[in-house]
Amino acid sequence: MQVKNKGVGIIGVGSYVPEKTLTNKDLESIVETSDEWIVSRTGIKERHIVAPGVATSDLAAYAAERALLDAGVSADEIDLIIVATATPDMLFPSTACLVQDKIKASKAAAFDLSAGCSGFAYGLVTGSQFIQTGLYNKILVIGAETLSTILDWNDRNTCVLFGDGAGAVVLGEVPAGYGILGIDLGADGSGGEFLKIPAGGSRLPATSESVSQRLHYLQMSGNDVFKFAVKVMGESAVKALDNSGLSSADVDCLIPHQANIRIIQSAAKRLKLPMEKVIVNVDKYGNTSAASIPIALNEALQDNKLKNDDVVVFVGFGAGLTWASCVIKWYKEDKTVV
């Protein structure tokens, strides 16, 4: 899909990660693993973990406040809050409603979006449509996760991969020709079994038996997810570029979902991009699911790796199975990113 009419882009960015870090060396005392094993297979060296009692809405609110400050926008100006998350505070109310109250955005509508690690890109595309139609002017899109709370710390194949964090952007109108140029969204529900939390929903409500069987923790078929990701990341990015009327030769910066360094390298190879054009921080944060792209975006801005007129590609994959790509011609007023 090619995006036309008015320009809709990112006018403010913010992120937040918990202070506590959990290194690979720390994990060696928890499960049978090693720093060498984790780094060689994933590229991850450490991840950030929430303190007891800290929830997804807390991280989301911190990131949202930083994005608002960066945009020079007050909470009263926000028309809609979209929170992409796989780890909501609770089944209902939505985490977005809790964030709305925390940041005092009393005029904003609010809802959660569930698309796994693709959630932030799904949220960008969803939010942009409200601005394209003229219904809303400014929208907060937040990717936030506390994945440490749903990990089975006895399962060395999954507990080493994930971390906690949040990233937020403010969407608004930008000059014509800038902002979101093209997108690609997709899903393959036949792969839903590959990445899931089996219990806690209507299919398998919580019981003492489901708890004792550890069915409320994340389960993943790693090989199946890896094969899917390697295939779909490059394909989706190419489709979004095609829909923008651009090619990989036009790309100045690729910001992929930070799940695994080998998957990231595969996507770069498919786009024929040198790794110098790829934002990578999986080593510091692990897989933060829907938060990974906005956290990486914020770091890219802090490190002066993005400038106006750059063509930026976001691409992710996640539970569902889902995938999402978004091509943006970058335009943002020069303000301090926090």
C-alpha atoms as a PDB file:
ATOM      1  CA  MET A   1       0.000   0.000   0.000  1.00  0.00           C
ATOM      2  CA  GLN A   2       1.310   3.411  -0.979  1.00  0.00           C
ATOM      3  CA  VAL A   3       0.486   6.246   1.397  1.00  0.00           C
ATOM      4  CA  LYS A   4      -0.775   9.407  -0.333  1.00  0.00           C
ATOM      5  CA  ASN A   5      -2.391  12.741   0.506  1.00  0.00           C
ATOM      6  CA  LYS A   6      -1.036  14.660   3.503  1.00  0.00           C
ATOM      7  CA  GLY A   7       2.303  13.857   5.068  1.00  0.00           C
ATOM      8  CA  VAL A   8       2.092  11.961   8.358  1.00  0.00           C
ATOM      9  CA  GLY A   9       5.297  11.393  10.252  1.00  0.00           C
ATOM     10  CA  ILE A  10       7.031  11.103  13.598  1.00  0.00           C
ATOM     11  CA  ILE A  11       7.381  14.444  15.353  1.00  0.00           C
ATOM     12  CA  GLY A  12       8.593  13.238  18.752  1.00  0.00           C
ATOM     13  CA  VAL A  13      10.461  10.201  20.075  1.00  0.00           C
ATOM     14  CA  GLY A  14      11.205   8.856  23.550  1.00  0.00           C
ATOM     15  CA  SER A  15      12.191   5.609  25.214  1.00  0.00           C
ATOM     16  CA  TYR A  16      12.725   4.108  28.628  1.00  0.00           C
ATOM     17  CA  VAL A  17      14.381   0.955  29.950  1.00  0.00           C
ATOM     18  CA  PRO A  18      14.567  -0.228  33.561  1.00  0.00           C
ATOM     19  CA  GLU A  19      17.783   0.406  35.463  1.00  0.00           C
ATOM     20  CA  LYS A  20      18.464  -3.214  36.372  1.00  0.00           C
ATOM     21  CA  THR A  21      20.534  -5.169  33.852  1.00  0.00           C
ATOM     22  CA  LEU A  22      20.812  -8.926  33.631  1.00  0.00           C
ATOM     23  CA  THR A  23      23.995 -10.040  31.890  1.00  0.00           C
ATOM     24  CA  ASN A  24      24.738 -13.348  30.259  1.00  0.00           C
ATOM     25  CA  LYS A  25      27.106 -14.051  33.136  1.00  0.00           C
ATOM     26  CA  ASP A  26      24.209 -13.507  35.538  1.00  0.00           C
ATOM     27  CA  LEU A  27      22.145 -16.018  33.585  1.00  0.00           C
ATOM     28  CA  GLU A  28      24.866 -18.637  33.941  1.00  0.00           C
ATOM     29  CA  SER A  29      23.890 -18.884  37.610  1.00  0.00           C
ATOM     30  CA  ILE A  30      20.172 -19.251  36.792  1.00  0.00           C
ATOM     31  CA  VAL A  31      20.056 -21.754  33.916  1.00  0.00           C
ATOM     32  CA  GLU A  32      22.473 -24.030  32.118  1.00  0.00           C
ATOM     33  CA  THR A  33      23.905 -21.634  29.545  1.00  0.00           C
ATOM     34  CA  SER A  34      26.993 -19.557  28.838  1.00  0.00           C
ATOM     35  CA  ASP A  35      27.878 -16.099  27.630  1.00  0.00           C
ATOM     36  CA  GLU A  36      29.591 -17.589  24.563  1.00  0.00           C
ATOM     37  CA  TRP A  37      26.545 -19.702  23.668  1.00  0.00           C
ATOM     38  CA  ILE A  38      24.121 -16.764  23.905  1.00  0.00           C
ATOM     39  CA  VAL A  39      26.303 -14.245  22.048  1.00  0.00           C
ATOM     40  CA  SER A  40      27.232 -16.625  19.226  1.00  0.00           C
ATOM     41  CA  ARG A  41      23.622 -17.553  18.535  1.00  0.00           C
ATOM     42  CA  THR A  42      21.796 -14.289  19.224  1.00  0.00           C
ATOM     43  CA  GLY A  43      24.218 -11.389  19.631  1.00  0.00           C
ATOM     44  CA  ILE A  44      22.697 -10.587  23.037  1.00  0.00           C
ATOM     45  CA  LYS A  45      25.043  -9.636  25.891  1.00  0.00           C
ATOM     46  CA  GLU A  46      22.621  -8.189  28.423  1.00  0.00           C
ATOM     47  CA  ARG A  47      19.001  -7.105  28.895  1.00  0.00           C
ATOM     48  CA  HIS A  48      17.091  -4.754  31.213  1.00  0.00           C
ATOM     49  CA  ILE A  49      14.605  -6.168  33.722  1.00  0.00           C
ATOM     50  CA  VAL A  50      11.816  -4.438  35.653  1.00  0.00           C
ATOM     51  CA  ALA A  51      11.788  -4.361  39.444  1.00  0.00           C
ATOM     52  CA  PRO A  52       8.984  -6.209  41.270  1.00  0.00           C
ATOM     53  CA  GLY A  53       5.713  -4.326  41.066  1.00  0.00           C
ATOM     54  CA  VAL A  54       6.616  -2.371  37.922  1.00  0.00           C
ATOM     55  CA  ALA A  55       4.163  -2.929  35.069  1.00  0.00           C
ATOM     56  CA  THR A  56       4.053  -2.292  31.335  1.00  0.00           C
ATOM     57  CA  SER A  57       1.949   0.861  31.744  1.00  0.00           C
ATOM     58  CA  ASP A  58       4.674   2.352  33.957  1.00  0.00           C
ATOM     59  CA  LEU A  59       7.349   1.913  31.282  1.00  0.00           C
ATOM     60  CA  ALA A  60       4.958   3.104  28.577  1.00  0.00           C
ATOM     61  CA  ALA A  61       4.108   6.270  30.491  1.00  0.00           C
ATOM     62  CA  TYR A  62       7.786   7.129  31.022  1.00  0.00           C
ATOM     63  CA  ALA A  63       8.518   6.723  27.306  1.00  0.00           C
ATOM     64  CA  ALA A  64       5.370   8.655  26.351  1.00  0.00           C
ATOM     65  CA  GLU A  65       6.292  11.626  28.520  1.00  0.00           C
ATOM     66  CA  ARG A  66       9.736  11.776  26.909  1.00  0.00           C
ATOM     67  CA  ALA A  67       8.227  11.623  23.417  1.00  0.00           C
ATOM     68  CA  LEU A  68       5.794  14.431  24.267  1.00  0.00           C
ATOM     69  CA  LEU A  69       8.649  16.557  25.565  1.00  0.00           C
ATOM     70  CA  ASP A  70      10.681  15.884  22.436  1.00  0.00           C
ATOM     71  CA  ALA A  71       7.742  16.837  20.223  1.00  0.00           C
ATOM     72  CA  GLY A  72       6.930  19.965  22.210  1.00  0.00           C
ATOM     73  CA  VAL A  73       3.393  18.658  22.587  1.00  0.00           C
ATOM     74  CA  SER A  74       1.297  18.631  25.752  1.00  0.00           C
ATOM     75  CA  ALA A  75      -0.707  15.614  26.866  1.00  0.00           C
ATOM     76  CA  ASP A  76      -3.890  17.643  26.322  1.00  0.00           C
ATOM     77  CA  GLU A  77      -3.102  17.806  22.608  1.00  0.00           C
ATOM     78  CA  ILE A  78      -3.062  14.027  22.151  1.00  0.00           C
ATOM     79  CA  ASP A  79      -6.164  12.711  20.386  1.00  0.00           C
ATOM     80  CA  LEU A  80      -5.426   8.976  20.594  1.00  0.00           C
ATOM     81  CA  ILE A  81      -3.097   6.605  22.433  1.00  0.00           C
ATOM     82  CA  ILE A  82      -2.214   3.244  20.895  1.00  0.00           C
ATOM     83  CA  VAL A  83      -0.184   0.819  22.994  1.00  0.00           C
ATOM     84  CA  ALA A  84       1.295  -2.166  21.212  1.00  0.00           C
ATOM     85  CA  THR A  85       2.105  -4.858  23.744  1.00  0.00           C
ATOM     86  CA  ALA A  86       2.082  -8.591  24.392  1.00  0.00           C
ATOM     87  CA  THR A  87       2.381  -8.019  28.137  1.00  0.00           C
ATOM     88  CA  PRO A  88      -0.524  -5.774  29.190  1.00  0.00           C
ATOM     89  CA  ASP A  89      -0.953  -4.909  32.849  1.00  0.00           C
ATOM     90  CA  MET A  90      -4.111  -7.030  32.805  1.00  0.00           C
ATOM     91  CA  LEU A  91      -6.653  -8.382  30.316  1.00  0.00           C
ATOM     92  CA  PHE A  92      -8.743  -5.260  30.784  1.00  0.00           C
ATOM     93  CA  PRO A  93      -8.838  -2.347  31.023  1.00  0.00           C
ATOM     94  CA  SER A  94      -6.380  -1.696  28.227  1.00  0.00           C
ATOM     95  CA  THR A  95      -2.861  -0.633  29.062  1.00  0.00           C
ATOM     96  CA  ALA A  96      -3.477   2.406  26.837  1.00  0.00           C
ATOM     97  CA  CYS A  97      -6.230   3.570  29.192  1.00  0.00           C
ATOM     98  CA  LEU A  98      -3.892   3.213  32.155  1.00  0.00           C
ATOM     99  CA  VAL A  99      -1.251   5.238  30.314  1.00  0.00           C
ATOM    100  CA  GLN A 100      -3.821   7.893  29.445  1.00  0.00           C
ATOM    101  CA  ASP A 101      -4.500   8.380  33.142  1.00  0.00           C
ATOM    102  CA  LYS A 102      -0.810   8.320  34.127  1.00  0.00           C
ATOM    103  CA  ILE A 103       0.168  11.065  31.673  1.00  0.00           C
ATOM    104  CA  LYS A 104      -3.104  13.019  32.125  1.00  0.00           C
ATOM    105  CA  ALA A 105      -4.082  12.881  28.447  1.00  0.00           C
ATOM    106  CA  SER A 106      -7.733  13.222  29.376  1.00  0.00           C
ATOM    107  CA  LYS A 107      -8.931  14.129  25.864  1.00  0.00           C
ATOM    108  CA  ALA A 108      -7.404  11.080  24.190  1.00  0.00           C
ATOM    109  CA  ALA A 109      -9.138   7.925  23.054  1.00  0.00           C
ATOM    110  CA  ALA A 110      -7.113   4.821  23.889  1.00  0.00           C
ATOM    111  CA  PHE A 111      -6.755   1.187  22.915  1.00  0.00           C
ATOM    112  CA  ASP A 112      -4.218  -1.648  22.858  1.00  0.00           C
ATOM    113  CA  LEU A 113      -2.983  -3.432  19.767  1.00  0.00           C
ATOM    114  CA  SER A 114      -1.783  -7.039  19.785  1.00  0.00           C
ATOM    115  CA  ALA A 115       0.528  -8.040  16.936  1.00  0.00           C
ATOM    116  CA  GLY A 116       3.476  -9.395  18.901  1.00  0.00           C
ATOM    117  CA  CYS A 117       6.848  -7.944  18.003  1.00  0.00           C
ATOM    118  CA  SER A 118       5.311  -6.380  14.862  1.00  0.00           C
ATOM    119  CA  GLY A 119       3.023  -4.318  17.082  1.00  0.00           C
ATOM    120  CA  PHE A 120       4.829  -0.977  16.904  1.00  0.00           C
ATOM    121  CA  ALA A 121       4.823  -0.901  13.098  1.00  0.00           C
ATOM    122  CA  TYR A 122       1.170  -2.007  13.091  1.00  0.00           C
ATOM    123  CA  GLY A 123       0.476   0.847  15.506  1.00  0.00           C
ATOM    124  CA  LEU A 124       2.235   3.399  13.294  1.00  0.00           C
ATOM    125  CA  VAL A 125       0.185   2.397  10.289  1.00  0.00           C
ATOM    126  CA  THR A 126      -3.055   2.339  12.278  1.00  0.00           C
ATOM    127  CA  GLY A 127      -2.437   5.718  13.865  1.00  0.00           C
ATOM    128  CA  SER A 128      -1.439   7.356  10.603  1.00  0.00           C
ATOM    129  CA  GLN A 129      -4.815   6.574   9.083  1.00  0.00           C
ATOM    130  CA  PHE A 130      -6.641   8.707  11.659  1.00  0.00           C
ATOM    131  CA  ILE A 131      -4.466  11.670  10.741  1.00  0.00           C
ATOM    132  CA  GLN A 132      -4.752  11.010   7.005  1.00  0.00           C
ATOM    133  CA  THR A 133      -8.534  11.218   7.222  1.00  0.00           C
ATOM    134  CA  GLY A 134      -8.413  14.424   9.253  1.00  0.00           C
ATOM    135  CA  LEU A 135     -10.174  12.861  12.231  1.00  0.00           C
ATOM    136  CA  TYR A 136      -7.214  13.354  14.597  1.00  0.00           C
ATOM    137  CA  ASN A 137      -4.153  15.605  14.664  1.00  0.00           C
ATOM    138  CA  LYS A 138      -1.685  14.057  17.104  1.00  0.00           C
ATOM    139  CA  ILE A 139      -1.378  10.445  18.196  1.00  0.00           C
ATOM    140  CA  LEU A 140       0.855   8.622  20.655  1.00  0.00           C
ATOM    141  CA  VAL A 141       2.045   5.208  19.477  1.00  0.00           C
ATOM    142  CA  ILE A 142       3.826   3.223  22.163  1.00  0.00           C
ATOM    143  CA  GLY A 143       5.540  -0.150  22.107  1.00  0.00           C
ATOM    144  CA  ALA A 144       6.009  -1.408  25.661  1.00  0.00           C
ATOM    145  CA  GLU A 145       6.838  -4.771  27.216  1.00  0.00           C
ATOM    146  CA  THR A 146       7.670  -6.393  30.530  1.00  0.00           C
ATOM    147  CA  LEU A 147       8.563  -9.750  29.030  1.00  0.00           C
ATOM    148  CA  SER A 148      10.558 -10.803  32.080  1.00  0.00           C
ATOM    149  CA  THR A 149       7.232 -11.306  33.857  1.00  0.00           C
ATOM    150  CA  ILE A 150       6.067 -13.996  31.400  1.00  0.00           C
ATOM    151  CA  LEU A 151       9.311 -15.934  30.992  1.00  0.00           C
ATOM    152  CA  ASP A 152       9.910 -19.414  32.311  1.00  0.00           C
ATOM    153  CA  TRP A 153      13.266 -18.919  34.000  1.00  0.00           C
ATOM    154  CA  ASN A 154      13.798 -22.680  33.882  1.00  0.00           C
ATOM    155  CA  ASP A 155      13.691 -22.679  30.076  1.00  0.00           C
ATOM    156  CA  ARG A 156      17.152 -21.722  28.844  1.00  0.00           C
ATOM    157  CA  ASN A 157      15.980 -21.548  25.228  1.00  0.00           C
ATOM    158  CA  THR A 158      13.658 -18.600  25.866  1.00  0.00           C
ATOM    159  CA  CYS A 159      14.638 -16.836  29.089  1.00  0.00           C
ATOM    160  CA  VAL A 160      17.978 -15.674  27.638  1.00  0.00           C
ATOM    161  CA  LEU A 161      16.354 -13.882  24.709  1.00  0.00           C
ATOM    162  CA  PHE A 162      14.044 -11.227  26.091  1.00  0.00           C
ATOM    163  CA  GLY A 163      14.169  -7.954  27.996  1.00  0.00           C
ATOM    164  CA  ASP A 164      11.916  -5.135  29.175  1.00  0.00           C
ATOM    165  CA  GLY A 165      11.503  -1.603  27.858  1.00  0.00           C
ATOM    166  CA  ALA A 166       9.301   0.922  26.094  1.00  0.00           C
ATOM    167  CA  GLY A 167       9.522   3.287  23.160  1.00  0.00           C
ATOM    168  CA  ALA A 168       7.040   5.942  22.099  1.00  0.00           C
ATOM    169  CA  VAL A 169       6.491   8.321  19.208  1.00  0.00           C
ATOM    170  CA  VAL A 170       4.145  11.208  18.563  1.00  0.00           C
ATOM    171  CA  LEU A 171       2.567  11.098  15.115  1.00  0.00           C
ATOM    172  CA  GLY A 172       1.540  14.319  13.451  1.00  0.00           C
ATOM    173  CA  GLU A 173       1.338  16.109  10.138  1.00  0.00           C
ATOM    174  CA  VAL A 174       4.637  16.805   8.352  1.00  0.00           C
ATOM    175  CA  PRO A 175       5.350  18.545   5.030  1.00  0.00           C
ATOM    176  CA  ALA A 176       4.008  16.836   1.904  1.00  0.00           C
ATOM    177  CA  GLY A 177       6.397  14.227   0.547  1.00  0.00           C
ATOM    178  CA  TYR A 178       7.717  13.355   4.001  1.00  0.00           C
ATOM    179  CA  GLY A 179       6.595  10.914   6.642  1.00  0.00           C
ATOM    180  CA  ILE A 180       5.162   7.471   5.915  1.00  0.00           C
ATOM    181  CA  LEU A 181       5.485   6.656   2.202  1.00  0.00           C
ATOM    182  CA  GLY A 182       4.664   2.957   2.041  1.00  0.00           C
ATOM    183  CA  ILE A 183       3.766  -0.021   4.185  1.00  0.00           C
ATOM    184  CA  ASP A 184       3.462  -3.783   4.193  1.00  0.00           C
ATOM    185  CA  LEU A 185       1.447  -5.652   6.793  1.00  0.00           C
ATOM    186  CA  GLY A 186       0.738  -9.360   6.918  1.00  0.00           C
ATOM    187  CA  ALA A 187      -0.081 -12.376   9.012  1.00  0.00           C
ATOM    188  CA  ASP A 188       0.014 -16.160   8.851  1.00  0.00           C
ATOM    189  CA  GLY A 189      -2.214 -17.543  11.580  1.00  0.00           C
ATOM    190  CA  SER A 190      -1.196 -21.107  10.743  1.00  0.00           C
ATOM    191  CA  GLY A 191       2.027 -20.348  12.603  1.00  0.00           C
ATOM    192  CA  GLY A 192       0.278 -19.205  15.755  1.00  0.00           C
ATOM    193  CA  GLU A 193       1.445 -22.272  17.652  1.00  0.00           C
ATOM    194  CA  PHE A 194       5.098 -21.337  17.194  1.00  0.00           C
ATOM    195  CA  LEU A 195       5.054 -18.450  19.688  1.00  0.00           C
ATOM    196  CA  LYS A 196       2.392 -18.264  22.381  1.00  0.00           C
ATOM    197  CA  ILE A 197       1.296 -18.269  26.003  1.00  0.00           C
ATOM    198  CA  PRO A 198      -1.085 -21.255  26.100  1.00  0.00           C
ATOM    199  CA  ALA A 199      -3.159 -20.463  29.202  1.00  0.00           C
ATOM    200  CA  GLY A 200      -4.936 -17.475  30.677  1.00  0.00           C
ATOM    201  CA  GLY A 201      -7.439 -16.801  27.906  1.00  0.00           C
ATOM    202  CA  SER A 202     -10.839 -18.194  27.029  1.00  0.00           C
ATOM    203  CA  ARG A 203      -9.372 -21.318  25.406  1.00  0.00           C
ATOM    204  CA  LEU A 204      -7.607 -22.392  28.579  1.00  0.00           C
ATOM    205  CA  PRO A 205      -8.633 -20.310  31.606  1.00  0.00           C
ATOM    206  CA  ALA A 206      -6.333 -20.213  34.594  1.00  0.00           C
ATOM    207  CA  THR A 207      -6.564 -23.197  36.916  1.00  0.00           C
ATOM    208  CA  SER A 208      -4.257 -24.683  39.511  1.00  0.00           C
ATOM    209  CA  GLU A 209      -3.377 -27.312  36.918  1.00  0.00           C
ATOM    210  CA  SER A 210      -2.478 -24.761  34.218  1.00  0.00           C
ATOM    211  CA  VAL A 211      -0.257 -22.950  36.689  1.00  0.00           C
ATOM    212  CA  SER A 212       1.486 -26.138  37.859  1.00  0.00           C
ATOM    213  CA  GLN A 213       2.102 -27.098  34.208  1.00  0.00           C
ATOM    214  CA  ARG A 214       3.730 -23.678  33.600  1.00  0.00           C
ATOM    215  CA  LEU A 215       1.292 -22.863  30.802  1.00  0.00           C
ATOM    216  CA  HIS A 216       1.186 -19.147  31.633  1.00  0.00           C
ATOM    217  CA  TYR A 217       4.739 -18.606  30.407  1.00  0.00           C
ATOM    218  CA  LEU A 218       5.967 -17.809  26.919  1.00  0.00           C
ATOM    219  CA  GLN A 219       6.545 -20.842  24.726  1.00  0.00           C
ATOM    220  CA  MET A 220       8.424 -20.694  21.449  1.00  0.00           C
ATOM    221  CA  SER A 221       9.457 -23.087  18.719  1.00  0.00           C
ATOM    222  CA  GLY A 222      12.738 -21.337  18.069  1.00  0.00           C
ATOM    223  CA  ASN A 223      13.720 -23.036  14.799  1.00  0.00           C
ATOM    224  CA  ASP A 224      10.318 -22.412  13.216  1.00  0.00           C
ATOM    225  CA  VAL A 225      10.285 -18.747  14.248  1.00  0.00           C
ATOM    226  CA  PHE A 226      13.850 -18.280  13.027  1.00  0.00           C
ATOM    227  CA  LYS A 227      13.104 -19.734   9.590  1.00  0.00           C
ATOM    228  CA  PHE A 228       9.973 -17.589   9.290  1.00  0.00           C
ATOM    229  CA  ALA A 229      11.800 -14.429  10.333  1.00  0.00           C
ATOM    230  CA  VAL A 230      14.731 -14.895   7.956  1.00  0.00           C
ATOM    231  CA  LYS A 231      12.304 -15.256   5.057  1.00  0.00           C
ATOM    232  CA  VAL A 232       9.750 -12.593   5.886  1.00  0.00           C
ATOM    233  CA  MET A 233      11.890  -9.698   7.146  1.00  0.00           C
ATOM    234  CA  GLY A 234      13.597  -9.056   3.814  1.00  0.00           C
ATOM    235  CA  GLU A 235      10.496  -9.803   1.763  1.00  0.00           C
ATOM    236  CA  SER A 236       8.317  -7.403   3.732  1.00  0.00           C
ATOM    237  CA  ALA A 237      10.847  -4.570   3.587  1.00  0.00           C
ATOM    238  CA  VAL A 238      11.141  -4.972  -0.192  1.00  0.00           C
ATOM    239  CA  LYS A 239       7.342  -4.878  -0.580  1.00  0.00           C
ATOM    240  CA  ALA A 240       7.065  -1.701   1.487  1.00  0.00           C
ATOM    241  CA  LEU A 241       9.786  -0.083  -0.635  1.00  0.00           C
ATOM    242  CA  ASP A 242       8.015  -1.167  -3.825  1.00  0.00           C
ATOM    243  CA  ASN A 243       4.814   0.359  -2.498  1.00  0.00           C
ATOM    244  CA  SER A 244       6.712   3.594  -1.879  1.00  0.00           C
ATOM    245  CA  GLY A 245       8.098   3.712  -5.395  1.00  0.00           C
ATOM    246  CA  LEU A 246      11.580   3.198  -3.977  1.00  0.00           C
ATOM    247  CA  SER A 247      14.215   0.477  -3.930  1.00  0.00           C
ATOM    248  CA  SER A 248      16.825  -0.761  -1.497  1.00  0.00           C
ATOM    249  CA  ALA A 249      19.335   1.559  -3.182  1.00  0.00           C
ATOM    250  CA  ASP A 250      17.352   4.494  -1.765  1.00  0.00           C
ATOM    251  CA  VAL A 251      17.533   3.289   1.861  1.00  0.00           C
ATOM    252  CA  ASP A 252      19.676   5.349   4.214  1.00  0.00           C
ATOM    253  CA  CYS A 253      18.803   3.538   7.433  1.00  0.00           C
ATOM    254  CA  LEU A 254      17.236   0.186   8.350  1.00  0.00           C
ATOM    255  CA  ILE A 255      15.766  -0.151  11.841  1.00  0.00           C
ATOM    256  CA  PRO A 256      14.745  -3.795  12.257  1.00  0.00           C
ATOM    257  CA  HIS A 257      13.095  -5.600  15.130  1.00  0.00           C
ATOM    258  CA  GLN A 258      15.910  -6.533  17.500  1.00  0.00           C
ATOM    259  CA  ALA A 259      15.409 -10.262  18.000  1.00  0.00           C
ATOM    260  CA  ASN A 260      18.591 -11.918  16.807  1.00  0.00           C
ATOM    261  CA  ILE A 261      21.728 -10.588  15.109  1.00  0.00           C
ATOM    262  CA  ARG A 262      21.632 -13.359  12.486  1.00  0.00           C
ATOM    263  CA  ILE A 263      18.081 -12.422  11.490  1.00  0.00           C
ATOM    264  CA  ILE A 264      19.069  -8.758  11.287  1.00  0.00           C
ATOM    265  CA  GLN A 265      22.077  -9.593   9.115  1.00  0.00           C
ATOM    266  CA  SER A 266      19.875 -11.692   6.847  1.00  0.00           C
ATOM    267  CA  ALA A 267      17.466  -8.778   6.325  1.00  0.00           C
ATOM    268  CA  ALA A 268      20.358  -6.451   5.532  1.00  0.00           C
ATOM    269  CA  LYS A 269      21.733  -8.944   3.024  1.00  0.00           C
ATOM    270  CA  ARG A 270      18.337  -9.266   1.324  1.00  0.00           C
ATOM    271  CA  LEU A 271      18.244  -5.473   0.929  1.00  0.00           C
ATOM    272  CA  LYS A 272      21.925  -5.355  -0.101  1.00  0.00           C
ATOM    273  CA  LEU A 273      22.634  -2.902   2.695  1.00  0.00           C
ATOM    274  CA  PRO A 274      25.956  -2.621   4.519  1.00  0.00           C
ATOM    275  CA  MET A 275      25.627  -3.123   8.248  1.00  0.00           C
ATOM    276  CA  GLU A 276      26.750   0.484   8.690  1.00  0.00           C
ATOM    277  CA  LYS A 277      23.245   1.471   7.577  1.00  0.00           C
ATOM    278  CA  VAL A 278      21.548  -0.888  10.043  1.00  0.00           C
ATOM    279  CA  ILE A 279      20.694   0.106  13.614  1.00  0.00           C
ATOM    280  CA  VAL A 280      21.624  -2.720  15.993  1.00  0.00           C
ATOM    281  CA  ASN A 281      21.250  -2.665  19.778  1.00  0.00           C
ATOM    282  CA  VAL A 282      20.121  -6.231  20.450  1.00  0.00           C
ATOM    283  CA  ASP A 283      23.373  -6.724  22.356  1.00  0.00           C
ATOM    284  CA  LYS A 284      22.276  -4.227  25.043  1.00  0.00           C
ATOM    285  CA  TYR A 285      18.550  -4.943  25.374  1.00  0.00           C
ATOM    286  CA  GLY A 286      17.756  -8.369  23.973  1.00  0.00           C
ATOM    287  CA  ASN A 287      14.378  -8.834  22.336  1.00  0.00           C
ATOM    288  CA  THR A 288      11.997  -6.218  23.748  1.00  0.00           C
ATOM    289  CA  SER A 289       9.225  -7.202  21.323  1.00  0.00           C
ATOM    290  CA  ALA A 290       7.009  -4.246  20.356  1.00  0.00           C
ATOM    291  CA  ALA A 291       9.393  -1.849  22.111  1.00  0.00           C
ATOM    292  CA  SER A 292      12.489  -2.796  20.133  1.00  0.00           C
ATOM    293  CA  ILE A 293      12.041  -0.616  17.029  1.00  0.00           C
ATOM    294  CA  PRO A 294      11.148   2.623  18.851  1.00  0.00           C
ATOM    295  CA  ILE A 295      13.980   2.110  21.362  1.00  0.00           C
ATOM    296  CA  ALA A 296      16.398   1.619  18.452  1.00  0.00           C
ATOM    297  CA  LEU A 297      14.945   4.661  16.686  1.00  0.00           C
ATOM    298  CA  ASN A 298      15.510   6.818  19.742  1.00  0.00           C
ATOM    299  CA  GLU A 299      19.118   5.631  20.036  1.00  0.00           C
ATOM    300  CA  ALA A 300      19.718   6.291  16.334  1.00  0.00           C
ATOM    301  CA  LEU A 301      18.568   9.880  16.828  1.00  0.00           C
ATOM    302  CA  GLN A 302      20.668  10.314  19.947  1.00  0.00           C
ATOM    303  CA  ASP A 303      23.707   9.062  18.028  1.00  0.00           C
ATOM    304  CA  ASN A 304      22.997  11.411  15.079  1.00  0.00           C
ATOM    305  CA  LYS A 305      22.487   8.506  12.695  1.00  0.00           C
ATOM    306  CA  LEU A 306      19.342  10.028  11.153  1.00  0.00           C
ATOM    307  CA  LYS A 307      18.903  13.327   9.363  1.00  0.00           C
ATOM    308  CA  ASN A 308      16.101  14.991   7.458  1.00  0.00           C
ATOM    309  CA  ASP A 309      15.491  13.572   3.966  1.00  0.00           C
ATOM    310  CA  ASP A 310      16.831  10.129   4.955  1.00  0.00           C
ATOM    311  CA  VAL A 311      14.772   7.143   3.820  1.00  0.00           C
ATOM    312  CA  VAL A 312      14.210   4.935   6.865  1.00  0.00           C
ATOM    313  CA  VAL A 313      12.747   1.428   6.889  1.00  0.00           C
ATOM    314  CA  PHE A 314      11.192  -0.186   9.946  1.00  0.00           C
ATOM    315  CA  VAL A 315      10.624  -3.942   9.692  1.00  0.00           C
ATOM    316  CA  GLY A 316       9.491  -6.489  12.245  1.00  0.00           C
ATOM    317  CA  PHE A 317       7.985  -9.923  12.746  1.00  0.00           C
ATOM    318  CA  GLY A 318       6.205 -11.462  15.679  1.00  0.00           C
ATOM    319  CA  ALA A 319       3.667 -13.770  17.251  1.00  0.00           C
ATOM    320  CA  GLY A 320       0.629 -14.460  15.172  1.00  0.00           C
ATOM    321  CA  LEU A 321       2.617 -14.969  13.096  1.00  0.00           C
ATOM    322  CA  THR A 322       2.765 -11.375  11.866  1.00  0.00           C
ATOM    323  CA  TRP A 323       5.068  -9.093   9.930  1.00  0.00           C
ATOM    324  CA  ALA A 324       5.129  -5.369   9.248  1.00  0.00           C
ATOM    325  CA  SER A 325       7.265  -2.856   7.379  1.00  0.00           C
ATOM    326  CA  CYS A 326       7.058   0.898   7.085  1.00  0.00           C
ATOM    327  CA  VAL A 327       9.050   3.262   4.849  1.00  0.00           C
ATOM    328  CA  ILE A 328       9.475   6.820   6.099  1.00  0.00           C
ATOM    329  CA  LYS A 329      11.108   9.840   4.526  1.00  0.00           C
ATOM    330  CA  TRP A 330      12.458  11.412   7.654  1.00  0.00           C
ATOM    331  CA  TYR A 331      11.473  14.904   8.660  1.00  0.00           C
ATOM    332  CA  LYS A 332      11.642  16.191  12.188  1.00  0.00           C
ATOM    333  CA  GLU A 333      12.220  19.627  13.621  1.00  0.00           C
ATOM    334  CA  ASP A 334      15.540  19.909  15.418  1.00  0.00           C
ATOM    335  CA  LYS A 335      14.758  19.334  19.080  1.00  0.00           C
ATOM    336  CA  THR A 336      16.545  17.522  21.864  1.00  0.00           C
ATOM    337  CA  VAL A 337      15.751  13.797  22.071  1.00  0.00           C
ATOM    338  CA  VAL A 338      15.582  12.421  25.620  1.00  0.00           C
END
